[in-house]
C-alpha atoms as a PDB file:
ATOM      1  CA  MET A   1       0.866 157.660   9.773  1.00  0.00           C
ATOM      2  CA  SER A   2       2.107 159.016   6.511  1.00  0.00           C
ATOM      3  CA  LYS A   3       5.042 157.886   4.832  1.00  0.00           C
ATOM      4  CA  PRO A   4       7.581 160.467   5.566  1.00  0.00           C
ATOM      5  CA  CYS A   5      10.377 159.179   3.357  1.00  0.00           C
ATOM      6  CA  ALA A   6       8.330 158.535   0.476  1.00  0.00           C
ATOM      7  CA  GLY A   7      10.281 159.336  -2.807  1.00  0.00           C
ATOM      8  CA  VAL A   8      13.763 158.822  -1.038  1.00  0.00           C
ATOM      9  CA  ARG A   9      15.754 156.069  -2.630  1.00  0.00           C
ATOM     10  CA  ILE A  10      18.311 154.041  -0.869  1.00  0.00           C
ATOM     11  CA  LEU A  11      21.222 151.721  -2.156  1.00  0.00           C
ATOM     12  CA  ASP A  12      21.494 149.354   0.347  1.00  0.00           C
ATOM     13  CA  PHE A  13      24.957 147.248   0.628  1.00  0.00           C
ATOM     14  CA  THR A  14      24.497 146.228   4.032  1.00  0.00           C
ATOM     15  CA  ARG A  15      24.314 142.726   5.195  1.00  0.00           C
ATOM     16  CA  TYR A  16      23.967 140.581   8.704  1.00  0.00           C
ATOM     17  CA  LEU A  17      21.833 142.690  11.272  1.00  0.00           C
ATOM     18  CA  ALA A  18      23.090 146.225  11.850  1.00  0.00           C
ATOM     19  CA  GLY A  19      22.886 147.670   8.443  1.00  0.00           C
ATOM     20  CA  PRO A  20      19.599 146.019   7.258  1.00  0.00           C
ATOM     21  CA  TYR A  21      18.010 146.935  10.816  1.00  0.00           C
ATOM     22  CA  GLY A  22      19.031 150.609  10.070  1.00  0.00           C
ATOM     23  CA  THR A  23      17.740 150.459   6.237  1.00  0.00           C
ATOM     24  CA  TYR A  24      14.614 148.831   7.338  1.00  0.00           C
ATOM     25  CA  GLN A  25      13.346 151.597   9.474  1.00  0.00           C
ATOM     26  CA  LEU A  26      13.475 154.176   6.534  1.00  0.00           C
ATOM     27  CA  ALA A  27      11.822 151.382   4.353  1.00  0.00           C
ATOM     28  CA  LEU A  28       9.240 151.054   7.091  1.00  0.00           C
ATOM     29  CA  LEU A  29       8.590 154.936   6.552  1.00  0.00           C
ATOM     30  CA  GLY A  30       8.063 154.782   2.980  1.00  0.00           C
ATOM     31  CA  ALA A  31      11.893 154.930   1.408  1.00  0.00           C
ATOM     32  CA  ASP A  32      12.635 152.979  -1.841  1.00  0.00           C
ATOM     33  CA  VAL A  33      15.038 150.638  -0.615  1.00  0.00           C
ATOM     34  CA  LEU A  34      17.363 148.600  -3.235  1.00  0.00           C
ATOM     35  CA  LYS A  35      18.850 145.747  -1.419  1.00  0.00           C
ATOM     36  CA  ILE A  36      22.328 145.070  -3.606  1.00  0.00           C
ATOM     37  CA  GLU A  37      23.818 141.482  -2.598  1.00  0.00           C
ATOM     38  CA  SER A  38      26.275 139.299  -3.959  1.00  0.00           C
ATOM     39  CA  ARG A  39      25.256 136.173  -5.859  1.00  0.00           C
ATOM     40  CA  GLU A  40      25.533 134.354  -2.696  1.00  0.00           C
ATOM     41  CA  GLY A  41      23.103 136.716  -0.925  1.00  0.00           C
ATOM     42  CA  ASP A  42      23.216 138.209   2.568  1.00  0.00           C
ATOM     43  CA  ASP A  43      24.696 135.429   4.784  1.00  0.00           C
ATOM     44  CA  THR A  44      21.740 135.854   7.214  1.00  0.00           C
ATOM     45  CA  ARG A  45      19.331 134.286   4.380  1.00  0.00           C
ATOM     46  CA  GLY A  46      20.269 130.924   5.556  1.00  0.00           C
ATOM     47  CA  GLN A  47      21.088 131.280   9.335  1.00  0.00           C
ATOM     48  CA  LEU A  48      18.835 128.948  10.747  1.00  0.00           C
ATOM     49  CA  ALA A  49      18.847 125.691  12.455  1.00  0.00           C
ATOM     50  CA  ASP A  50      15.282 124.850  11.026  1.00  0.00           C
ATOM     51  CA  ARG A  51      16.628 124.124   7.301  1.00  0.00           C
ATOM     52  CA  THR A  52      13.139 124.329   5.599  1.00  0.00           C
ATOM     53  CA  TRP A  53      13.427 128.160   5.955  1.00  0.00           C
ATOM     54  CA  ALA A  54      17.394 128.165   5.507  1.00  0.00           C
ATOM     55  CA  GLU A  55      17.405 126.121   2.130  1.00  0.00           C
ATOM     56  CA  ARG A  56      14.996 128.765   0.628  1.00  0.00           C
ATOM     57  CA  LYS A  57      17.133 131.489   1.770  1.00  0.00           C
ATOM     58  CA  MET A  58      14.482 133.064   3.599  1.00  0.00           C
ATOM     59  CA  ALA A  59      15.449 132.722   7.020  1.00  0.00           C
ATOM     60  CA  PRO A  60      13.082 134.532   9.515  1.00  0.00           C
ATOM     61  CA  SER A  61      15.922 136.528  11.253  1.00  0.00           C
ATOM     62  CA  PHE A  62      16.722 137.781   7.538  1.00  0.00           C
ATOM     63  CA  LEU A  63      12.971 138.573   6.698  1.00  0.00           C
ATOM     64  CA  ALA A  64      12.715 140.672   9.695  1.00  0.00           C
ATOM     65  CA  VAL A  65      14.757 143.240   8.874  1.00  0.00           C
ATOM     66  CA  ASN A  66      14.549 143.150   5.093  1.00  0.00           C
ATOM     67  CA  GLY A  67      10.893 143.765   4.243  1.00  0.00           C
ATOM     68  CA  ASN A  68       9.638 146.412   2.235  1.00  0.00           C
ATOM     69  CA  LYS A  69      12.896 145.966   0.214  1.00  0.00           C
ATOM     70  CA  ARG A  70      13.675 145.306  -3.690  1.00  0.00           C
ATOM     71  CA  SER A  71      16.633 143.021  -4.205  1.00  0.00           C
ATOM     72  CA  ILE A  72      19.458 142.735  -7.093  1.00  0.00           C
ATOM     73  CA  THR A  73      22.839 141.041  -6.814  1.00  0.00           C
ATOM     74  CA  LEU A  74      26.075 142.562  -8.150  1.00  0.00           C
ATOM     75  CA  ASP A  75      29.746 141.392  -8.178  1.00  0.00           C
ATOM     76  CA  LEU A  76      31.235 144.380  -7.026  1.00  0.00           C
ATOM     77  CA  ARG A  77      34.809 143.253  -7.864  1.00  0.00           C
ATOM     78  CA  ARG A  78      34.041 143.629 -11.131  1.00  0.00           C
ATOM     79  CA  LYS A  79      34.387 146.935 -13.197  1.00  0.00           C
ATOM     80  CA  GLU A  80      30.701 146.426 -14.896  1.00  0.00           C
ATOM     81  CA  ALA A  81      29.307 146.091 -11.553  1.00  0.00           C
ATOM     82  CA  VAL A  82      30.738 149.512 -10.370  1.00  0.00           C
ATOM     83  CA  GLU A  83      29.618 151.266 -13.068  1.00  0.00           C
ATOM     84  CA  ILE A  84      26.343 150.122 -12.678  1.00  0.00           C
ATOM     85  CA  VAL A  85      26.490 151.395  -9.001  1.00  0.00           C
ATOM     86  CA  LYS A  86      27.551 154.658 -10.288  1.00  0.00           C
ATOM     87  CA  ARG A  87      24.352 154.959 -12.655  1.00  0.00           C
ATOM     88  CA  LEU A  88      22.169 153.942  -9.847  1.00  0.00           C
ATOM     89  CA  VAL A  89      23.745 156.831  -7.727  1.00  0.00           C
ATOM     90  CA  VAL A  90      22.822 159.259  -9.864  1.00  0.00           C
ATOM     91  CA  GLY A  91      19.195 159.015  -8.799  1.00  0.00           C
ATOM     92  CA  ALA A  92      19.608 157.929  -5.085  1.00  0.00           C
ATOM     93  CA  ASP A  93      19.660 159.836  -2.076  1.00  0.00           C
ATOM     94  CA  VAL A  94      21.275 157.311   0.037  1.00  0.00           C
ATOM     95  CA  VAL A  95      23.975 154.665   0.142  1.00  0.00           C
ATOM     96  CA  TRP A  96      24.371 152.915   2.998  1.00  0.00           C
ATOM     97  CA  GLU A  97      27.079 149.924   3.788  1.00  0.00           C
ATOM     98  CA  ASN A  98      28.569 148.192   6.432  1.00  0.00           C
ATOM     99  CA  PHE A  99      31.602 146.662   5.180  1.00  0.00           C
ATOM    100  CA  ARG A 100      34.921 147.167   7.525  1.00  0.00           C
ATOM    101  CA  GLY A 101      36.704 150.361   7.030  1.00  0.00           C
ATOM    102  CA  GLY A 102      38.317 150.956   3.607  1.00  0.00           C
ATOM    103  CA  VAL A 103      36.504 148.219   1.751  1.00  0.00           C
ATOM    104  CA  MET A 104      34.255 150.282  -0.450  1.00  0.00           C
ATOM    105  CA  ASP A 105      37.230 152.753  -0.952  1.00  0.00           C
ATOM    106  CA  ARG A 106      39.180 149.754  -2.439  1.00  0.00           C
ATOM    107  CA  LEU A 107      36.018 148.866  -4.749  1.00  0.00           C
ATOM    108  CA  GLY A 108      35.895 152.286  -5.977  1.00  0.00           C
ATOM    109  CA  LEU A 109      32.565 152.906  -3.989  1.00  0.00           C
ATOM    110  CA  GLY A 110      33.852 155.125  -1.300  1.00  0.00           C
ATOM    111  CA  TYR A 111      32.261 158.301  -0.305  1.00  0.00           C
ATOM    112  CA  ASP A 112      34.348 160.553  -2.094  1.00  0.00           C
ATOM    113  CA  ALA A 113      34.105 158.680  -5.707  1.00  0.00           C
ATOM    114  CA  LEU A 114      30.147 158.579  -5.346  1.00  0.00           C
ATOM    115  CA  ALA A 115      29.889 162.239  -4.067  1.00  0.00           C
ATOM    116  CA  ALA A 116      31.966 162.989  -6.993  1.00  0.00           C
ATOM    117  CA  VAL A 117      28.776 161.315  -9.043  1.00  0.00           C
ATOM    118  CA  ASN A 118      25.838 162.872  -6.799  1.00  0.00           C
ATOM    119  CA  PRO A 119      26.828 165.643  -4.628  1.00  0.00           C
ATOM    120  CA  ARG A 120      23.350 165.590  -2.815  1.00  0.00           C
ATOM    121  CA  LEU A 121      24.262 161.725  -1.812  1.00  0.00           C
ATOM    122  CA  ILE A 122      23.940 161.005   2.093  1.00  0.00           C
ATOM    123  CA  TYR A 123      26.790 158.194   2.877  1.00  0.00           C
ATOM    124  CA  CYS A 124      26.332 155.930   5.478  1.00  0.00           C
ATOM    125  CA  SER A 125      28.795 153.629   6.763  1.00  0.00           C
ATOM    126  CA  VAL A 126      28.164 151.252   9.736  1.00  0.00           C
ATOM    127  CA  SER A 127      31.041 149.794  11.227  1.00  0.00           C
ATOM    128  CA  GLY A 128      32.186 148.650  14.852  1.00  0.00           C
ATOM    129  CA  PHE A 129      34.747 151.399  15.321  1.00  0.00           C
ATOM    130  CA  GLY A 130      34.197 154.318  12.637  1.00  0.00           C
ATOM    131  CA  GLN A 131      35.938 155.291   9.571  1.00  0.00           C
ATOM    132  CA  THR A 132      39.060 157.164  11.069  1.00  0.00           C
ATOM    133  CA  GLY A 133      40.003 155.576  14.218  1.00  0.00           C
ATOM    134  CA  PRO A 134      43.076 152.747  14.814  1.00  0.00           C
ATOM    135  CA  GLU A 135      40.535 150.024  14.899  1.00  0.00           C
ATOM    136  CA  LYS A 136      38.694 151.097  11.510  1.00  0.00           C
ATOM    137  CA  THR A 137      39.630 147.750   9.749  1.00  0.00           C
ATOM    138  CA  THR A 138      38.703 145.610  12.693  1.00  0.00           C
ATOM    139  CA  ALA A 139      35.613 143.368  12.100  1.00  0.00           C
ATOM    140  CA  ALA A 140      32.985 143.875  15.005  1.00  0.00           C
ATOM    141  CA  PHE A 141      29.911 141.658  15.819  1.00  0.00           C
ATOM    142  CA  ASP A 142      27.207 141.988  18.485  1.00  0.00           C
ATOM    143  CA  GLY A 143      29.092 139.770  21.288  1.00  0.00           C
ATOM    144  CA  LYS A 144      32.154 141.721  20.860  1.00  0.00           C
ATOM    145  CA  LEU A 145      30.695 144.921  21.016  1.00  0.00           C
ATOM    146  CA  GLN A 146      28.625 143.894  24.460  1.00  0.00           C
ATOM    147  CA  ALA A 147      32.002 143.202  26.037  1.00  0.00           C
ATOM    148  CA  MET A 148      33.906 146.105  24.873  1.00  0.00           C
ATOM    149  CA  SER A 149      31.089 148.735  25.791  1.00  0.00           C
ATOM    150  CA  GLY A 150      30.665 146.841  29.209  1.00  0.00           C
ATOM    151  CA  ILE A 151      27.133 146.085  28.808  1.00  0.00           C
ATOM    152  CA  MET A 152      28.216 142.457  29.444  1.00  0.00           C
ATOM    153  CA  SER A 153      29.873 143.348  32.677  1.00  0.00           C
ATOM    154  CA  ILE A 154      26.524 144.908  33.991  1.00  0.00           C
ATOM    155  CA  THR A 155      24.139 142.220  32.803  1.00  0.00           C
ATOM    156  CA  GLY A 156      23.560 138.929  34.640  1.00  0.00           C
ATOM    157  CA  GLU A 157      24.251 137.774  38.475  1.00  0.00           C
ATOM    158  CA  PRO A 158      27.528 138.398  40.055  1.00  0.00           C
ATOM    159  CA  ALA A 159      28.258 134.686  40.407  1.00  0.00           C
ATOM    160  CA  HIS A 160      28.137 133.942  36.821  1.00  0.00           C
ATOM    161  CA  GLY A 161      30.353 136.473  35.708  1.00  0.00           C
ATOM    162  CA  PRO A 162      29.792 138.639  32.460  1.00  0.00           C
ATOM    163  CA  THR A 163      26.551 137.745  30.541  1.00  0.00           C
ATOM    164  CA  ARG A 164      25.389 138.663  27.195  1.00  0.00           C
ATOM    165  CA  ALA A 165      21.960 140.009  26.650  1.00  0.00           C
ATOM    166  CA  GLY A 166      19.488 137.562  25.067  1.00  0.00           C
ATOM    167  CA  PHE A 167      19.547 139.692  21.760  1.00  0.00           C
ATOM    168  CA  ALA A 168      22.035 141.341  19.305  1.00  0.00           C
ATOM    169  CA  ILE A 169      21.373 144.836  21.355  1.00  0.00           C
ATOM    170  CA  CYS A 170      24.312 146.090  19.884  1.00  0.00           C
ATOM    171  CA  ASP A 171      23.620 145.441  16.264  1.00  0.00           C
ATOM    172  CA  THR A 172      19.808 146.886  16.876  1.00  0.00           C
ATOM    173  CA  ILE A 173      21.130 150.125  18.431  1.00  0.00           C
ATOM    174  CA  GLY A 174      23.823 150.610  16.132  1.00  0.00           C
ATOM    175  CA  GLY A 175      21.295 150.334  13.228  1.00  0.00           C
ATOM    176  CA  MET A 176      18.635 152.525  14.746  1.00  0.00           C
ATOM    177  CA  THR A 177      21.491 155.192  15.492  1.00  0.00           C
ATOM    178  CA  ALA A 178      22.100 154.815  11.699  1.00  0.00           C
ATOM    179  CA  ALA A 179      18.664 155.638  10.807  1.00  0.00           C
ATOM    180  CA  LEU A 180      18.512 158.361  12.958  1.00  0.00           C
ATOM    181  CA  ALA A 181      21.594 159.891  11.670  1.00  0.00           C
ATOM    182  CA  VAL A 182      20.676 159.260   8.290  1.00  0.00           C
ATOM    183  CA  ALA A 183      17.113 161.108   8.773  1.00  0.00           C
ATOM    184  CA  SER A 184      18.815 163.900  10.156  1.00  0.00           C
ATOM    185  CA  ALA A 185      21.230 164.054   7.302  1.00  0.00           C
ATOM    186  CA  LEU A 186      18.262 164.192   4.738  1.00  0.00           C
ATOM    187  CA  TYR A 187      16.743 166.978   6.685  1.00  0.00           C
ATOM    188  CA  GLN A 188      19.862 169.049   6.967  1.00  0.00           C
ATOM    189  CA  ARG A 189      20.099 168.384   2.911  1.00  0.00           C
ATOM    190  CA  THR A 190      16.778 170.154   2.700  1.00  0.00           C
ATOM    191  CA  HIS A 191      18.680 173.662   3.906  1.00  0.00           C
ATOM    192  CA  THR A 192      21.980 172.852   2.429  1.00  0.00           C
ATOM    193  CA  GLY A 193      21.188 171.084  -0.763  1.00  0.00           C
ATOM    194  CA  ARG A 194      24.381 168.898  -0.258  1.00  0.00           C
ATOM    195  CA  GLY A 195      24.731 165.426   1.148  1.00  0.00           C
ATOM    196  CA  GLN A 196      27.648 164.070   3.537  1.00  0.00           C
ATOM    197  CA  LEU A 197      29.222 161.461   5.069  1.00  0.00           C
ATOM    198  CA  VAL A 198      27.611 159.871   7.912  1.00  0.00           C
ATOM    199  CA  ASP A 199      30.118 157.585  10.055  1.00  0.00           C
ATOM    200  CA  VAL A 200      28.216 155.270  12.643  1.00  0.00           C
ATOM    201  CA  ALA A 201      30.438 153.403  15.087  1.00  0.00           C
ATOM    202  CA  MET A 202      28.315 150.714  16.566  1.00  0.00           C
ATOM    203  CA  LEU A 203      30.694 150.915  19.936  1.00  0.00           C
ATOM    204  CA  ASP A 204      29.665 154.655  20.208  1.00  0.00           C
ATOM    205  CA  ALA A 205      26.262 153.811  19.804  1.00  0.00           C
ATOM    206  CA  ALA A 206      26.799 150.936  22.398  1.00  0.00           C
ATOM    207  CA  LEU A 207      27.930 153.383  25.107  1.00  0.00           C
ATOM    208  CA  ALA A 208      25.304 155.845  24.203  1.00  0.00           C
ATOM    209  CA  PHE A 209      22.766 153.251  24.997  1.00  0.00           C
ATOM    210  CA  ILE A 210      23.985 152.976  28.757  1.00  0.00           C
ATOM    211  CA  PRO A 211      24.063 157.169  29.409  1.00  0.00           C
ATOM    212  CA  GLY A 212      23.605 156.653  33.406  1.00  0.00           C
ATOM    213  CA  THR A 213      26.241 153.812  33.623  1.00  0.00           C
ATOM    214  CA  VAL A 214      28.909 155.642  31.849  1.00  0.00           C
ATOM    215  CA  SER A 215      27.824 159.015  33.434  1.00  0.00           C
ATOM    216  CA  GLU A 216      28.133 157.593  37.104  1.00  0.00           C
ATOM    217  CA  TYR A 217      31.603 156.220  36.193  1.00  0.00           C
ATOM    218  CA  THR A 218      32.917 159.396  34.450  1.00  0.00           C
ATOM    219  CA  VAL A 219      31.433 161.740  36.737  1.00  0.00           C
ATOM    220  CA  ALA A 220      31.248 160.409  40.110  1.00  0.00           C
ATOM    221  CA  GLY A 221      33.676 157.293  39.610  1.00  0.00           C
ATOM    222  CA  ILE A 222      30.994 154.845  40.252  1.00  0.00           C
ATOM    223  CA  GLU A 223      31.535 151.702  38.615  1.00  0.00           C
ATOM    224  CA  ALA A 224      28.394 149.693  37.838  1.00  0.00           C
ATOM    225  CA  LYS A 225      28.030 146.040  39.200  1.00  0.00           C
ATOM    226  CA  GLN A 226      25.873 143.116  38.019  1.00  0.00           C
ATOM    227  CA  ILE A 227      22.599 143.147  39.613  1.00  0.00           C
ATOM    228  CA  GLY A 228      20.713 140.478  38.006  1.00  0.00           C
ATOM    229  CA  ASN A 229      17.075 141.307  37.579  1.00  0.00           C
ATOM    230  CA  GLY A 230      17.000 144.436  40.084  1.00  0.00           C
ATOM    231  CA  SER A 231      16.408 147.827  38.780  1.00  0.00           C
ATOM    232  CA  VAL A 232      19.557 150.232  38.327  1.00  0.00           C
ATOM    233  CA  SER A 233      17.597 152.486  40.759  1.00  0.00           C
ATOM    234  CA  ARG A 234      19.006 149.844  43.462  1.00  0.00           C
ATOM    235  CA  LYS A 235      15.217 149.937  44.881  1.00  0.00           C
ATOM    236  CA  PRO A 236      14.444 146.534  46.307  1.00  0.00           C
ATOM    237  CA  THR A 237      10.863 147.109  44.876  1.00  0.00           C
ATOM    238  CA  ALA A 238      11.922 147.043  41.496  1.00  0.00           C
ATOM    239  CA  SER A 239      12.922 143.795  40.756  1.00  0.00           C
ATOM    240  CA  ARG A 240      11.694 140.054  39.845  1.00  0.00           C
ATOM    241  CA  PHE A 241      10.271 138.135  42.464  1.00  0.00           C
ATOM    242  CA  ARG A 242       9.433 134.434  42.533  1.00  0.00           C
ATOM    243  CA  ALA A 243       5.625 133.800  42.773  1.00  0.00           C
ATOM    244  CA  ARG A 244       3.968 130.125  43.585  1.00  0.00           C
ATOM    245  CA  ASP A 245       2.779 130.224  39.898  1.00  0.00           C
ATOM    246  CA  GLY A 246       5.611 132.015  38.139  1.00  0.00           C
ATOM    247  CA  TYR A 247       7.175 135.198  38.368  1.00  0.00           C
ATOM    248  CA  LEU A 248       6.230 138.691  39.252  1.00  0.00           C
ATOM    249  CA  VAL A 249       8.039 142.060  38.028  1.00  0.00           C
ATOM    250  CA  LEU A 250       7.261 145.296  40.164  1.00  0.00           C
ATOM    251  CA  ALA A 251       8.413 148.600  39.126  1.00  0.00           C
ATOM    252  CA  VAL A 252       7.987 150.477  42.305  1.00  0.00           C
ATOM    253  CA  LEU A 253      10.318 153.559  42.084  1.00  0.00           C
ATOM    254  CA  THR A 254       8.808 156.365  43.986  1.00  0.00           C
ATOM    255  CA  GLU A 255       7.517 156.868  47.607  1.00  0.00           C
ATOM    256  CA  LYS A 256       4.041 157.494  46.202  1.00  0.00           C
ATOM    257  CA  GLN A 257       4.145 153.950  44.697  1.00  0.00           C
ATOM    258  CA  PHE A 258       5.856 152.326  47.489  1.00  0.00           C
ATOM    259  CA  ALA A 259       2.651 153.574  49.687  1.00  0.00           C
ATOM    260  CA  SER A 260      -0.131 152.380  46.837  1.00  0.00           C
ATOM    261  CA  LEU A 261       2.048 148.680  46.920  1.00  0.00           C
ATOM    262  CA  MET A 262       1.922 148.441  50.818  1.00  0.00           C
ATOM    263  CA  LYS A 263      -2.061 149.350  50.576  1.00  0.00           C
ATOM    264  CA  THR A 264      -2.875 147.269  47.767  1.00  0.00           C
ATOM    265  CA  LEU A 265      -0.992 144.210  49.669  1.00  0.00           C
ATOM    266  CA  GLY A 266      -3.128 144.970  52.694  1.00  0.00           C
ATOM    267  CA  ARG A 267       0.136 146.384  55.011  1.00  0.00           C
ATOM    268  CA  ALA A 268      -0.531 149.865  55.258  1.00  0.00           C
ATOM    269  CA  ASP A 269       0.594 149.402  58.778  1.00  0.00           C
ATOM    270  CA  ALA A 270       4.074 149.254  56.917  1.00  0.00           C
ATOM    271  CA  LEU A 271       4.172 152.648  56.282  1.00  0.00           C
ATOM    272  CA  ASP A 272       4.584 153.416  60.050  1.00  0.00           C
ATOM    273  CA  ASP A 273       7.740 151.242  60.294  1.00  0.00           C
ATOM    274  CA  PRO A 274      10.897 153.475  60.356  1.00  0.00           C
ATOM    275  CA  ARG A 275      12.627 150.879  58.912  1.00  0.00           C
ATOM    276  CA  LEU A 276      10.810 151.310  55.899  1.00  0.00           C
ATOM    277  CA  LYS A 277       9.825 154.872  55.983  1.00  0.00           C
ATOM    278  CA  ASP A 278      11.974 155.726  52.821  1.00  0.00           C
ATOM    279  CA  TRP A 279      14.294 154.386  50.188  1.00  0.00           C
ATOM    280  CA  PRO A 280      17.510 154.825  52.114  1.00  0.00           C
ATOM    281  CA  ALA A 281      15.642 153.388  55.275  1.00  0.00           C
ATOM    282  CA  ARG A 282      14.834 150.351  52.967  1.00  0.00           C
ATOM    283  CA  THR A 283      17.996 149.912  51.517  1.00  0.00           C
ATOM    284  CA  ALA A 284      20.055 150.027  54.917  1.00  0.00           C
END
């Protein structure tokens, strides 16, 4: 695949996961990403139990979302650093940050200040709750967003209560949403010639990630329940099953697939059983 973002220059002020994951997507597509860190560096550089990598400030989790980037350090609290950033903005296409709402404005590096320097600038802000709502200054990490979005309430077994997903799902989907939004803004700029502010709320992205669950509740009043390893289709042949030598996962969802499964198991006779004739009968 060619590099569709070749020639795009991104100033990356992001930290942790959601922001770096987003900028990394465009770096993979050929964008020139300049990561701007404090002298201490991104907190995730040393985030690892294995001190060998942590002491090098090159934790695998950091490397996973910061490849294909260059890096410089600036103390953004210093006036000289702000002036350096503004000089860099002149030749940049995108500024990307994931501080709490208002932080970049206080530093003199908000959208209005930088758009005045470069009207073609795409300015992406990734935060938990967006730049304009009542929670705009509230910090948000993945676990909090999994809970607030409802993802935890539909994950795991009913007997165990709300269960957090095994990876930072809200961070990654927030970052991917931001990458899509920035790519769209870059495309729109080819028609308008002007940049824009891209405001990505990770809570919004998390809700968009579970569209069926949200729609069932808002349209039909159906409240999702924890179903363990079962399918959201609620079909018994789409689940995890314990076998003698491990576990087996089936994704048998259609009547045609069910018939094929019965034949594969040597139980074609089951297809004539009225208790198994269709999905409603099999779940009665």
